PDB file of all heavy atoms in Angstrom:
ATOM      1  N   PHE A   1       0.812  -1.176   0.075  1.00  0.00           N
ATOM      2  CA  PHE A   1       0.028   0.019  -0.023  1.00  0.00           C
ATOM      3  C   PHE A   1       0.906   1.238  -0.048  1.00  0.00           C
ATOM      4  O   PHE A   1       0.591   2.273  -0.725  1.00  0.00           O
ATOM      5  CB  PHE A   1      -0.940   0.026   1.217  1.00  0.00           C
ATOM      6  CG  PHE A   1      -2.136  -0.983   1.123  1.00  0.00           C
ATOM      7  CD1 PHE A   1      -2.514  -1.664   2.312  1.00  0.00           C
ATOM      8  CD2 PHE A   1      -2.650  -1.199  -0.020  1.00  0.00           C
ATOM      9  CE1 PHE A   1      -3.597  -2.544   2.280  1.00  0.00           C
ATOM     10  CE2 PHE A   1      -3.874  -2.105  -0.150  1.00  0.00           C
ATOM     11  CZ  PHE A   1      -4.167  -2.733   1.069  1.00  0.00           C
ATOM     12  N   ASN A   2       1.927   1.239   0.810  1.00  0.00           N
ATOM     13  CA  ASN A   2       2.818   2.440   0.833  1.00  0.00           C
ATOM     14  C   ASN A   2       3.573   2.654  -0.406  1.00  0.00           C
ATOM     15  O   ASN A   2       3.948   3.759  -0.753  1.00  0.00           O
ATOM     16  CB  ASN A   2       3.738   2.311   2.083  1.00  0.00           C
ATOM     17  CG  ASN A   2       3.102   2.697   3.353  1.00  0.00           C
ATOM     18  OD1 ASN A   2       2.435   3.639   3.428  1.00  0.00           O
ATOM     19  ND2 ASN A   2       3.357   1.965   4.407  1.00  0.00           N
ATOM     20  N   GLU A   3       3.991   1.439  -1.093  1.00  0.00           N
ATOM     21  CA  GLU A   3       4.687   1.596  -2.250  1.00  0.00           C
ATOM     22  C   GLU A   3       3.779   2.052  -3.433  1.00  0.00           C
ATOM     23  O   GLU A   3       4.235   2.862  -4.285  1.00  0.00           O
ATOM     24  CB  GLU A   3       5.307   0.269  -2.541  1.00  0.00           C
ATOM     25  CG  GLU A   3       6.148   0.183  -3.835  1.00  0.00           C
ATOM     26  CD  GLU A   3       6.717  -1.205  -4.033  1.00  0.00           C
ATOM     27  OE1 GLU A   3       7.434  -1.706  -3.110  1.00  0.00           O
ATOM     28  OE2 GLU A   3       6.432  -1.793  -5.097  1.00  0.00           O
ATOM     29  N   LYS A   4       2.570   1.554  -3.551  1.00  0.00           N
ATOM     30  CA  LYS A   4       1.780   1.697  -4.721  1.00  0.00           C
ATOM     31  C   LYS A   4       0.575   2.484  -4.642  1.00  0.00           C
ATOM     32  O   LYS A   4      -0.114   2.905  -5.574  1.00  0.00           O
ATOM     33  CB  LYS A   4       1.449   0.334  -5.344  1.00  0.00           C
ATOM     34  CG  LYS A   4       2.565  -0.510  -5.779  1.00  0.00           C
ATOM     35  CD  LYS A   4       2.221  -1.432  -6.794  1.00  0.00           C
ATOM     36  CE  LYS A   4       3.427  -2.075  -7.606  1.00  0.00           C
ATOM     37  NZ  LYS A   4       3.050  -2.898  -8.668  1.00  0.00           N
ATOM     38  N   GLY A   5       0.141   2.685  -3.283  1.00  0.00           N
ATOM     39  CA  GLY A   5      -1.185   3.307  -3.014  1.00  0.00           C
ATOM     40  C   GLY A   5      -2.265   2.294  -2.954  1.00  0.00           C
ATOM     41  O   GLY A   5      -2.199   1.171  -3.496  1.00  0.00           O
ATOM     42  N   PHE A   6      -3.241   2.609  -2.325  1.00  0.00           N
ATOM     43  CA  PHE A   6      -4.508   1.644  -2.100  1.00  0.00           C
ATOM     44  C   PHE A   6      -4.952   1.243  -3.399  1.00  0.00           C
ATOM     45  O   PHE A   6      -5.176   0.018  -3.651  1.00  0.00           O
ATOM     46  CB  PHE A   6      -5.526   2.390  -1.242  1.00  0.00           C
ATOM     47  CG  PHE A   6      -6.744   1.429  -1.036  1.00  0.00           C
ATOM     48  CD1 PHE A   6      -6.653   0.509  -0.058  1.00  0.00           C
ATOM     49  CD2 PHE A   6      -7.793   1.424  -1.729  1.00  0.00           C
ATOM     50  CE1 PHE A   6      -7.787  -0.304   0.230  1.00  0.00           C
ATOM     51  CE2 PHE A   6      -8.816   0.648  -1.551  1.00  0.00           C
ATOM     52  CZ  PHE A   6      -8.834  -0.280  -0.526  1.00  0.00           C
ATOM     53  N   GLU A   7      -5.299   2.142  -4.305  1.00  0.00           N
ATOM     54  CA  GLU A   7      -6.033   1.725  -5.567  1.00  0.00           C
ATOM     55  C   GLU A   7      -5.217   0.923  -6.461  1.00  0.00           C
ATOM     56  O   GLU A   7      -5.713  -0.082  -7.047  1.00  0.00           O
ATOM     57  CB  GLU A   7      -6.468   3.013  -6.372  1.00  0.00           C
ATOM     58  CG  GLU A   7      -7.295   2.802  -7.517  1.00  0.00           C
ATOM     59  CD  GLU A   7      -7.803   4.124  -8.115  1.00  0.00           C
ATOM     60  OE1 GLU A   7      -7.288   5.125  -7.714  1.00  0.00           O
ATOM     61  OE2 GLU A   7      -8.794   3.992  -8.863  1.00  0.00           O
ATOM     62  N   ALA A   8      -3.908   1.187  -6.645  1.00  0.00           N
ATOM     63  CA  ALA A   8      -3.047   0.439  -7.523  1.00  0.00           C
ATOM     64  C   ALA A   8      -2.603  -0.967  -6.967  1.00  0.00           C
ATOM     65  O   ALA A   8      -2.336  -1.964  -7.679  1.00  0.00           O
ATOM     66  CB  ALA A   8      -1.746   1.341  -7.945  1.00  0.00           C
ATOM     67  N   ALA A   9      -2.578  -1.050  -5.570  1.00  0.00           N
ATOM     68  CA  ALA A   9      -2.107  -2.331  -4.948  1.00  0.00           C
ATOM     69  C   ALA A   9      -3.156  -3.388  -5.276  1.00  0.00           C
ATOM     70  O   ALA A   9      -4.334  -3.110  -5.305  1.00  0.00           O
ATOM     71  CB  ALA A   9      -1.976  -1.974  -3.447  1.00  0.00           C
ATOM     72  N   THR A  10      -2.635  -4.700  -5.388  1.00  0.00           N
ATOM     73  CA  THR A  10      -3.507  -5.743  -5.703  1.00  0.00           C
ATOM     74  C   THR A  10      -3.279  -6.831  -4.651  1.00  0.00           C
ATOM     75  O   THR A  10      -2.201  -6.883  -4.115  1.00  0.00           O
ATOM     76  CB  THR A  10      -3.335  -6.302  -7.015  1.00  0.00           C
ATOM     77  OG1 THR A  10      -2.004  -6.986  -7.242  1.00  0.00           O
ATOM     78  CG2 THR A  10      -3.383  -5.334  -8.138  1.00  0.00           C
ATOM     79  N   MET A  11      -4.415  -7.724  -4.420  1.00  0.00           N
ATOM     80  CA  MET A  11      -4.139  -8.808  -3.529  1.00  0.00           C
ATOM     81  C   MET A  11      -3.020  -9.746  -4.059  1.00  0.00           C
ATOM     82  O   MET A  11      -2.327 -10.434  -3.183  1.00  0.00           O
ATOM     83  CB  MET A  11      -5.477  -9.482  -3.329  1.00  0.00           C
ATOM     84  CG  MET A  11      -6.504  -8.700  -2.697  1.00  0.00           C
ATOM     85  SD  MET A  11      -6.048  -8.155  -0.895  1.00  0.00           S
ATOM     86  CE  MET A  11      -7.060  -9.380  -0.026  1.00  0.00           C
ATOM     87  N   GLU A  12      -2.949  -9.851  -5.365  1.00  0.00           N
ATOM     88  CA  GLU A  12      -1.876 -10.747  -5.974  1.00  0.00           C
ATOM     89  C   GLU A  12      -0.579 -10.315  -5.519  1.00  0.00           C
ATOM     90  O   GLU A  12       0.284 -11.118  -5.187  1.00  0.00           O
ATOM     91  CB  GLU A  12      -2.071 -10.767  -7.517  1.00  0.00           C
ATOM     92  CG  GLU A  12      -3.278 -11.449  -8.042  1.00  0.00           C
ATOM     93  CD  GLU A  12      -4.480 -10.583  -8.033  1.00  0.00           C
ATOM     94  OE1 GLU A  12      -4.491  -9.565  -7.598  1.00  0.00           O
ATOM     95  OE2 GLU A  12      -5.550 -11.179  -8.461  1.00  0.00           O
ATOM     96  N   GLU A  13      -0.299  -9.037  -5.612  1.00  0.00           N
ATOM     97  CA  GLU A  13       1.048  -8.389  -5.289  1.00  0.00           C
ATOM     98  C   GLU A  13       1.270  -8.609  -3.732  1.00  0.00           C
ATOM     99  O   GLU A  13       2.347  -8.912  -3.357  1.00  0.00           O
ATOM    100  CB  GLU A  13       1.152  -6.963  -5.515  1.00  0.00           C
ATOM    101  CG  GLU A  13       1.191  -6.695  -7.067  1.00  0.00           C
ATOM    102  CD  GLU A  13       0.885  -5.194  -7.286  1.00  0.00           C
ATOM    103  OE1 GLU A  13       0.130  -4.565  -6.820  1.00  0.00           O
ATOM    104  OE2 GLU A  13       1.748  -4.655  -8.260  1.00  0.00           O
ATOM    105  N   ILE A  14       0.300  -8.491  -2.973  1.00  0.00           N
ATOM    106  CA  ILE A  14       0.359  -8.638  -1.496  1.00  0.00           C
ATOM    107  C   ILE A  14       0.744 -10.152  -1.167  1.00  0.00           C
ATOM    108  O   ILE A  14       1.578 -10.348  -0.379  1.00  0.00           O
ATOM    109  CB  ILE A  14      -0.803  -8.251  -0.817  1.00  0.00           C
ATOM    110  CG1 ILE A  14      -1.014  -6.722  -0.840  1.00  0.00           C
ATOM    111  CG2 ILE A  14      -0.864  -8.559   0.723  1.00  0.00           C
ATOM    112  CD1 ILE A  14      -2.397  -6.167  -0.471  1.00  0.00           C
ATOM    113  N   ALA A  15       0.045 -11.048  -1.822  1.00  0.00           N
ATOM    114  CA  ALA A  15       0.217 -12.493  -1.652  1.00  0.00           C
ATOM    115  C   ALA A  15       1.693 -12.853  -2.065  1.00  0.00           C
ATOM    116  O   ALA A  15       2.366 -13.681  -1.447  1.00  0.00           O
ATOM    117  CB  ALA A  15      -0.706 -13.262  -2.315  1.00  0.00           C
ATOM    118  N   LYS A  16       2.169 -12.320  -3.316  1.00  0.00           N
ATOM    119  CA  LYS A  16       3.489 -12.622  -3.767  1.00  0.00           C
ATOM    120  C   LYS A  16       4.577 -12.088  -2.743  1.00  0.00           C
ATOM    121  O   LYS A  16       5.590 -12.776  -2.534  1.00  0.00           O
ATOM    122  CB  LYS A  16       3.690 -11.965  -5.056  1.00  0.00           C
ATOM    123  CG  LYS A  16       5.067 -12.338  -5.780  1.00  0.00           C
ATOM    124  CD  LYS A  16       5.107 -11.642  -7.175  1.00  0.00           C
ATOM    125  CE  LYS A  16       6.390 -11.965  -7.786  1.00  0.00           C
ATOM    126  NZ  LYS A  16       6.599 -11.404  -9.219  1.00  0.00           N
ATOM    127  N   ARG A  17       4.410 -10.876  -2.212  1.00  0.00           N
ATOM    128  CA  ARG A  17       5.263 -10.288  -1.357  1.00  0.00           C
ATOM    129  C   ARG A  17       5.386 -11.143   0.045  1.00  0.00           C
ATOM    130  O   ARG A  17       6.423 -11.396   0.514  1.00  0.00           O
ATOM    131  CB  ARG A  17       4.963  -8.877  -0.979  1.00  0.00           C
ATOM    132  CG  ARG A  17       6.036  -8.141  -0.211  1.00  0.00           C
ATOM    133  CD  ARG A  17       5.653  -6.769   0.198  1.00  0.00           C
ATOM    134  NE  ARG A  17       5.367  -5.839  -0.938  1.00  0.00           N
ATOM    135  CZ  ARG A  17       6.276  -4.958  -1.278  1.00  0.00           C
ATOM    136  NH1 ARG A  17       7.345  -4.832  -0.650  1.00  0.00           N
ATOM    137  NH2 ARG A  17       6.083  -4.191  -2.305  1.00  0.00           N
ATOM    138  N   ALA A  18       4.229 -11.652   0.386  1.00  0.00           N
ATOM    139  CA  ALA A  18       4.171 -12.537   1.612  1.00  0.00           C
ATOM    140  C   ALA A  18       4.589 -13.930   1.355  1.00  0.00           C
ATOM    141  O   ALA A  18       4.587 -14.681   2.343  1.00  0.00           O
ATOM    142  CB  ALA A  18       2.733 -12.482   2.143  1.00  0.00           C
ATOM    143  N   GLU A  19       4.658 -14.248   0.117  1.00  0.00           N
ATOM    144  CA  GLU A  19       5.064 -15.569  -0.196  1.00  0.00           C
ATOM    145  C   GLU A  19       4.075 -16.625   0.084  1.00  0.00           C
ATOM    146  O   GLU A  19       4.358 -17.757   0.619  1.00  0.00           O
ATOM    147  CB  GLU A  19       6.465 -16.114   0.204  1.00  0.00           C
ATOM    148  CG  GLU A  19       7.536 -15.195  -0.270  1.00  0.00           C
ATOM    149  CD  GLU A  19       8.901 -15.585   0.215  1.00  0.00           C
ATOM    150  OE1 GLU A  19       8.916 -16.236   1.295  1.00  0.00           O
ATOM    151  OE2 GLU A  19       9.918 -15.257  -0.341  1.00  0.00           O
ATOM    152  N   ILE A  20       2.695 -16.180  -0.153  1.00  0.00           N
ATOM    153  CA  ILE A  20       1.627 -17.077   0.139  1.00  0.00           C
ATOM    154  C   ILE A  20       0.637 -17.042  -1.038  1.00  0.00           C
ATOM    155  O   ILE A  20       0.767 -16.184  -1.915  1.00  0.00           O
ATOM    156  CB  ILE A  20       0.850 -16.757   1.459  1.00  0.00           C
ATOM    157  CG1 ILE A  20       0.410 -15.308   1.490  1.00  0.00           C
ATOM    158  CG2 ILE A  20       1.712 -16.992   2.715  1.00  0.00           C
ATOM    159  CD1 ILE A  20      -0.472 -14.850   2.600  1.00  0.00           C
ATOM    160  N   SER A  21      -0.476 -17.845  -0.982  1.00  0.00           N
ATOM    161  CA  SER A  21      -1.471 -17.674  -2.078  1.00  0.00           C
ATOM    162  C   SER A  21      -2.481 -16.564  -1.699  1.00  0.00           C
ATOM    163  O   SER A  21      -2.608 -16.222  -0.526  1.00  0.00           O
ATOM    164  CB  SER A  21      -2.092 -19.002  -2.262  1.00  0.00           C
ATOM    165  OG  SER A  21      -2.994 -19.312  -1.108  1.00  0.00           O
ATOM    166  N   LYS A  22      -2.968 -16.153  -2.817  1.00  0.00           N
ATOM    167  CA  LYS A  22      -4.023 -15.115  -2.576  1.00  0.00           C
ATOM    168  C   LYS A  22      -5.260 -15.699  -1.805  1.00  0.00           C
ATOM    169  O   LYS A  22      -5.882 -14.985  -0.879  1.00  0.00           O
ATOM    170  CB  LYS A  22      -4.568 -14.579  -3.949  1.00  0.00           C
ATOM    171  CG  LYS A  22      -5.547 -13.451  -3.768  1.00  0.00           C
ATOM    172  CD  LYS A  22      -5.797 -12.847  -5.107  1.00  0.00           C
ATOM    173  CE  LYS A  22      -6.661 -13.595  -5.996  1.00  0.00           C
ATOM    174  NZ  LYS A  22      -7.221 -12.990  -7.189  1.00  0.00           N
ATOM    175  N   ALA A  23      -5.478 -16.962  -1.953  1.00  0.00           N
ATOM    176  CA  ALA A  23      -6.526 -17.581  -1.388  1.00  0.00           C
ATOM    177  C   ALA A  23      -6.314 -17.654   0.226  1.00  0.00           C
ATOM    178  O   ALA A  23      -7.294 -17.568   0.969  1.00  0.00           O
ATOM    179  CB  ALA A  23      -6.776 -19.055  -1.740  1.00  0.00           C
ATOM    180  N   THR A  24      -5.035 -17.785   0.609  1.00  0.00           N
ATOM    181  CA  THR A  24      -4.733 -17.780   2.058  1.00  0.00           C
ATOM    182  C   THR A  24      -5.055 -16.436   2.685  1.00  0.00           C
ATOM    183  O   THR A  24      -5.468 -16.354   3.749  1.00  0.00           O
ATOM    184  CB  THR A  24      -3.256 -18.038   2.277  1.00  0.00           C
ATOM    185  OG1 THR A  24      -2.885 -19.256   1.627  1.00  0.00           O
ATOM    186  CG2 THR A  24      -2.864 -17.977   3.767  1.00  0.00           C
ATOM    187  N   ILE A  25      -4.849 -15.281   1.973  1.00  0.00           N
ATOM    188  CA  ILE A  25      -5.199 -13.956   2.541  1.00  0.00           C
ATOM    189  C   ILE A  25      -6.681 -13.943   2.829  1.00  0.00           C
ATOM    190  O   ILE A  25      -7.020 -13.378   3.824  1.00  0.00           O
ATOM    191  CB  ILE A  25      -4.724 -12.819   1.467  1.00  0.00           C
ATOM    192  CG1 ILE A  25      -3.294 -12.887   1.300  1.00  0.00           C
ATOM    193  CG2 ILE A  25      -5.297 -11.508   2.011  1.00  0.00           C
ATOM    194  CD1 ILE A  25      -2.819 -11.755   0.299  1.00  0.00           C
ATOM    195  N   TYR A  26      -7.445 -14.533   1.902  1.00  0.00           N
ATOM    196  CA  TYR A  26      -8.913 -14.489   2.021  1.00  0.00           C
ATOM    197  C   TYR A  26      -9.414 -15.221   3.221  1.00  0.00           C
ATOM    198  O   TYR A  26     -10.562 -15.087   3.664  1.00  0.00           O
ATOM    199  CB  TYR A  26      -9.658 -14.715   0.710  1.00  0.00           C
ATOM    200  CG  TYR A  26      -9.503 -13.705  -0.296  1.00  0.00           C
ATOM    201  CD1 TYR A  26      -8.781 -13.889  -1.469  1.00  0.00           C
ATOM    202  CD2 TYR A  26     -10.166 -12.432  -0.078  1.00  0.00           C
ATOM    203  CE1 TYR A  26      -8.762 -12.871  -2.432  1.00  0.00           C
ATOM    204  CE2 TYR A  26     -10.112 -11.542  -1.142  1.00  0.00           C
ATOM    205  CZ  TYR A  26      -9.257 -11.648  -2.214  1.00  0.00           C
ATOM    206  OH  TYR A  26      -9.257 -10.801  -3.165  1.00  0.00           O
ATOM    207  N   ILE A  27      -8.632 -16.090   3.757  1.00  0.00           N
ATOM    208  CA  ILE A  27      -9.052 -16.787   5.016  1.00  0.00           C
ATOM    209  C   ILE A  27      -9.113 -15.815   6.125  1.00  0.00           C
ATOM    210  O   ILE A  27     -10.022 -15.945   7.019  1.00  0.00           O
ATOM    211  CB  ILE A  27      -7.932 -17.891   5.302  1.00  0.00           C
ATOM    212  CG1 ILE A  27      -7.989 -18.969   4.127  1.00  0.00           C
ATOM    213  CG2 ILE A  27      -8.263 -18.534   6.652  1.00  0.00           C
ATOM    214  CD1 ILE A  27      -6.854 -20.055   4.337  1.00  0.00           C
ATOM    215  N   TYR A  28      -8.211 -14.846   6.165  1.00  0.00           N
ATOM    216  CA  TYR A  28      -8.194 -13.799   7.246  1.00  0.00           C
ATOM    217  C   TYR A  28      -8.857 -12.444   6.959  1.00  0.00           C
ATOM    218  O   TYR A  28      -9.325 -11.829   7.849  1.00  0.00           O
ATOM    219  CB  TYR A  28      -6.661 -13.646   7.682  1.00  0.00           C
ATOM    220  CG  TYR A  28      -5.939 -15.013   7.891  1.00  0.00           C
ATOM    221  CD1 TYR A  28      -5.127 -15.588   6.921  1.00  0.00           C
ATOM    222  CD2 TYR A  28      -6.047 -15.458   9.166  1.00  0.00           C
ATOM    223  CE1 TYR A  28      -4.555 -16.626   7.252  1.00  0.00           C
ATOM    224  CE2 TYR A  28      -5.294 -16.574   9.468  1.00  0.00           C
ATOM    225  CZ  TYR A  28      -4.560 -17.348   8.449  1.00  0.00           C
ATOM    226  OH  TYR A  28      -4.018 -18.475   8.787  1.00  0.00           O
ATOM    227  N   PHE A  29      -8.888 -12.156   5.675  1.00  0.00           N
ATOM    228  CA  PHE A  29      -9.412 -10.823   5.384  1.00  0.00           C
ATOM    229  C   PHE A  29     -10.326 -11.027   4.133  1.00  0.00           C
ATOM    230  O   PHE A  29     -10.095 -11.587   3.143  1.00  0.00           O
ATOM    231  CB  PHE A  29      -8.248  -9.782   5.029  1.00  0.00           C
ATOM    232  CG  PHE A  29      -7.384  -9.670   6.131  1.00  0.00           C
ATOM    233  CD1 PHE A  29      -6.084 -10.288   6.177  1.00  0.00           C
ATOM    234  CD2 PHE A  29      -7.596  -8.771   7.178  1.00  0.00           C
ATOM    235  CE1 PHE A  29      -5.224 -10.096   7.235  1.00  0.00           C
ATOM    236  CE2 PHE A  29      -6.714  -8.617   8.246  1.00  0.00           C
ATOM    237  CZ  PHE A  29      -5.576  -9.275   8.236  1.00  0.00           C
ATOM    238  N   LYS A  30     -11.540 -10.396   4.322  1.00  0.00           N
ATOM    239  CA  LYS A  30     -12.562 -10.580   3.194  1.00  0.00           C
ATOM    240  C   LYS A  30     -12.212  -9.810   1.913  1.00  0.00           C
ATOM    241  O   LYS A  30     -12.734 -10.347   0.816  1.00  0.00           O
ATOM    242  CB  LYS A  30     -13.863 -10.104   3.717  1.00  0.00           C
ATOM    243  CG  LYS A  30     -14.496 -10.882   4.931  1.00  0.00           C
ATOM    244  CD  LYS A  30     -15.843 -10.422   5.320  1.00  0.00           C
ATOM    245  CE  LYS A  30     -15.694  -8.967   6.004  1.00  0.00           C
ATOM    246  NZ  LYS A  30     -17.009  -8.498   6.536  1.00  0.00           N
ATOM    247  N   SER A  31     -11.444  -8.750   2.045  1.00  0.00           N
ATOM    248  CA  SER A  31     -11.282  -7.969   0.834  1.00  0.00           C
ATOM    249  C   SER A  31     -10.035  -7.023   1.066  1.00  0.00           C
ATOM    250  O   SER A  31      -9.504  -6.941   2.164  1.00  0.00           O
ATOM    251  CB  SER A  31     -12.452  -7.108   0.451  1.00  0.00           C
ATOM    252  OG  SER A  31     -12.692  -6.146   1.590  1.00  0.00           O
ATOM    253  N   LYS A  32      -9.580  -6.413  -0.005  1.00  0.00           N
ATOM    254  CA  LYS A  32      -8.538  -5.496   0.138  1.00  0.00           C
ATOM    255  C   LYS A  32      -8.915  -4.323   1.100  1.00  0.00           C
ATOM    256  O   LYS A  32      -8.168  -3.839   1.824  1.00  0.00           O
ATOM    257  CB  LYS A  32      -8.138  -4.881  -1.330  1.00  0.00           C
ATOM    258  CG  LYS A  32      -6.956  -3.962  -1.229  1.00  0.00           C
ATOM    259  CD  LYS A  32      -6.515  -3.580  -2.720  1.00  0.00           C
ATOM    260  CE  LYS A  32      -7.431  -2.668  -3.375  1.00  0.00           C
ATOM    261  NZ  LYS A  32      -6.808  -2.139  -4.688  1.00  0.00           N
ATOM    262  N   GLU A  33     -10.123  -3.906   0.891  1.00  0.00           N
ATOM    263  CA  GLU A  33     -10.669  -2.838   1.778  1.00  0.00           C
ATOM    264  C   GLU A  33     -10.583  -3.291   3.209  1.00  0.00           C
ATOM    265  O   GLU A  33     -10.148  -2.497   4.111  1.00  0.00           O
ATOM    266  CB  GLU A  33     -12.143  -2.563   1.412  1.00  0.00           C
ATOM    267  CG  GLU A  33     -12.766  -1.598   2.394  1.00  0.00           C
ATOM    268  CD  GLU A  33     -14.347  -1.582   2.256  1.00  0.00           C
ATOM    269  OE1 GLU A  33     -14.960  -2.651   2.541  1.00  0.00           O
ATOM    270  OE2 GLU A  33     -14.806  -0.525   1.920  1.00  0.00           O
ATOM    271  N   ASP A  34     -11.030  -4.504   3.565  1.00  0.00           N
ATOM    272  CA  ASP A  34     -11.002  -5.009   4.960  1.00  0.00           C
ATOM    273  C   ASP A  34      -9.569  -5.119   5.503  1.00  0.00           C
ATOM    274  O   ASP A  34      -9.306  -4.774   6.535  1.00  0.00           O
ATOM    275  CB  ASP A  34     -11.571  -6.439   4.906  1.00  0.00           C
ATOM    276  CG  ASP A  34     -11.806  -7.006   6.224  1.00  0.00           C
ATOM    277  OD1 ASP A  34     -12.200  -6.276   7.168  1.00  0.00           O
ATOM    278  OD2 ASP A  34     -11.433  -8.207   6.485  1.00  0.00           O
ATOM    279  N   LEU A  35      -8.682  -5.401   4.566  1.00  0.00           N
ATOM    280  CA  LEU A  35      -7.132  -5.535   4.996  1.00  0.00           C
ATOM    281  C   LEU A  35      -6.688  -4.197   5.219  1.00  0.00           C
ATOM    282  O   LEU A  35      -6.070  -3.940   6.283  1.00  0.00           O
ATOM    283  CB  LEU A  35      -6.472  -6.277   3.835  1.00  0.00           C
ATOM    284  CG  LEU A  35      -4.936  -6.272   4.085  1.00  0.00           C
ATOM    285  CD1 LEU A  35      -4.611  -6.994   5.362  1.00  0.00           C
ATOM    286  CD2 LEU A  35      -4.330  -7.274   2.883  1.00  0.00           C
ATOM    287  N   TYR A  36      -6.949  -3.162   4.401  1.00  0.00           N
ATOM    288  CA  TYR A  36      -6.480  -1.896   4.703  1.00  0.00           C
ATOM    289  C   TYR A  36      -7.070  -1.222   6.037  1.00  0.00           C
ATOM    290  O   TYR A  36      -6.284  -0.677   6.758  1.00  0.00           O
ATOM    291  CB  TYR A  36      -6.958  -1.002   3.489  1.00  0.00           C
ATOM    292  CG  TYR A  36      -6.550   0.534   3.658  1.00  0.00           C
ATOM    293  CD1 TYR A  36      -5.360   1.006   3.285  1.00  0.00           C
ATOM    294  CD2 TYR A  36      -7.452   1.396   4.314  1.00  0.00           C
ATOM    295  CE1 TYR A  36      -5.041   2.379   3.575  1.00  0.00           C
ATOM    296  CE2 TYR A  36      -7.212   2.667   4.485  1.00  0.00           C
ATOM    297  CZ  TYR A  36      -6.046   3.271   4.056  1.00  0.00           C
ATOM    298  OH  TYR A  36      -5.668   4.449   4.233  1.00  0.00           O
ATOM    299  N   TYR A  37      -8.338  -1.502   6.081  1.00  0.00           N
ATOM    300  CA  TYR A  37      -9.011  -1.048   7.366  1.00  0.00           C
ATOM    301  C   TYR A  37      -8.426  -1.552   8.648  1.00  0.00           C
ATOM    302  O   TYR A  37      -8.198  -0.907   9.566  1.00  0.00           O
ATOM    303  CB  TYR A  37     -10.493  -1.188   7.108  1.00  0.00           C
ATOM    304  CG  TYR A  37     -11.348  -0.716   8.283  1.00  0.00           C
ATOM    305  CD1 TYR A  37     -11.779   0.639   8.213  1.00  0.00           C
ATOM    306  CD2 TYR A  37     -11.930  -1.466   9.331  1.00  0.00           C
ATOM    307  CE1 TYR A  37     -12.645   1.178   9.145  1.00  0.00           C
ATOM    308  CE2 TYR A  37     -12.644  -0.874  10.269  1.00  0.00           C
ATOM    309  CZ  TYR A  37     -13.061   0.454  10.164  1.00  0.00           C
ATOM    310  OH  TYR A  37     -13.826   1.027  11.121  1.00  0.00           O
TER     311      TYR A  37
END
């Protein structure tokens, strides 16, 4: 988010940086909005 801004950031990029699958993120957070919040 800090690097790209909220709008440009994607869940795919976040998952790649965390070295996990995008599906794993959705186990804990419903959406990008939910994660930012």
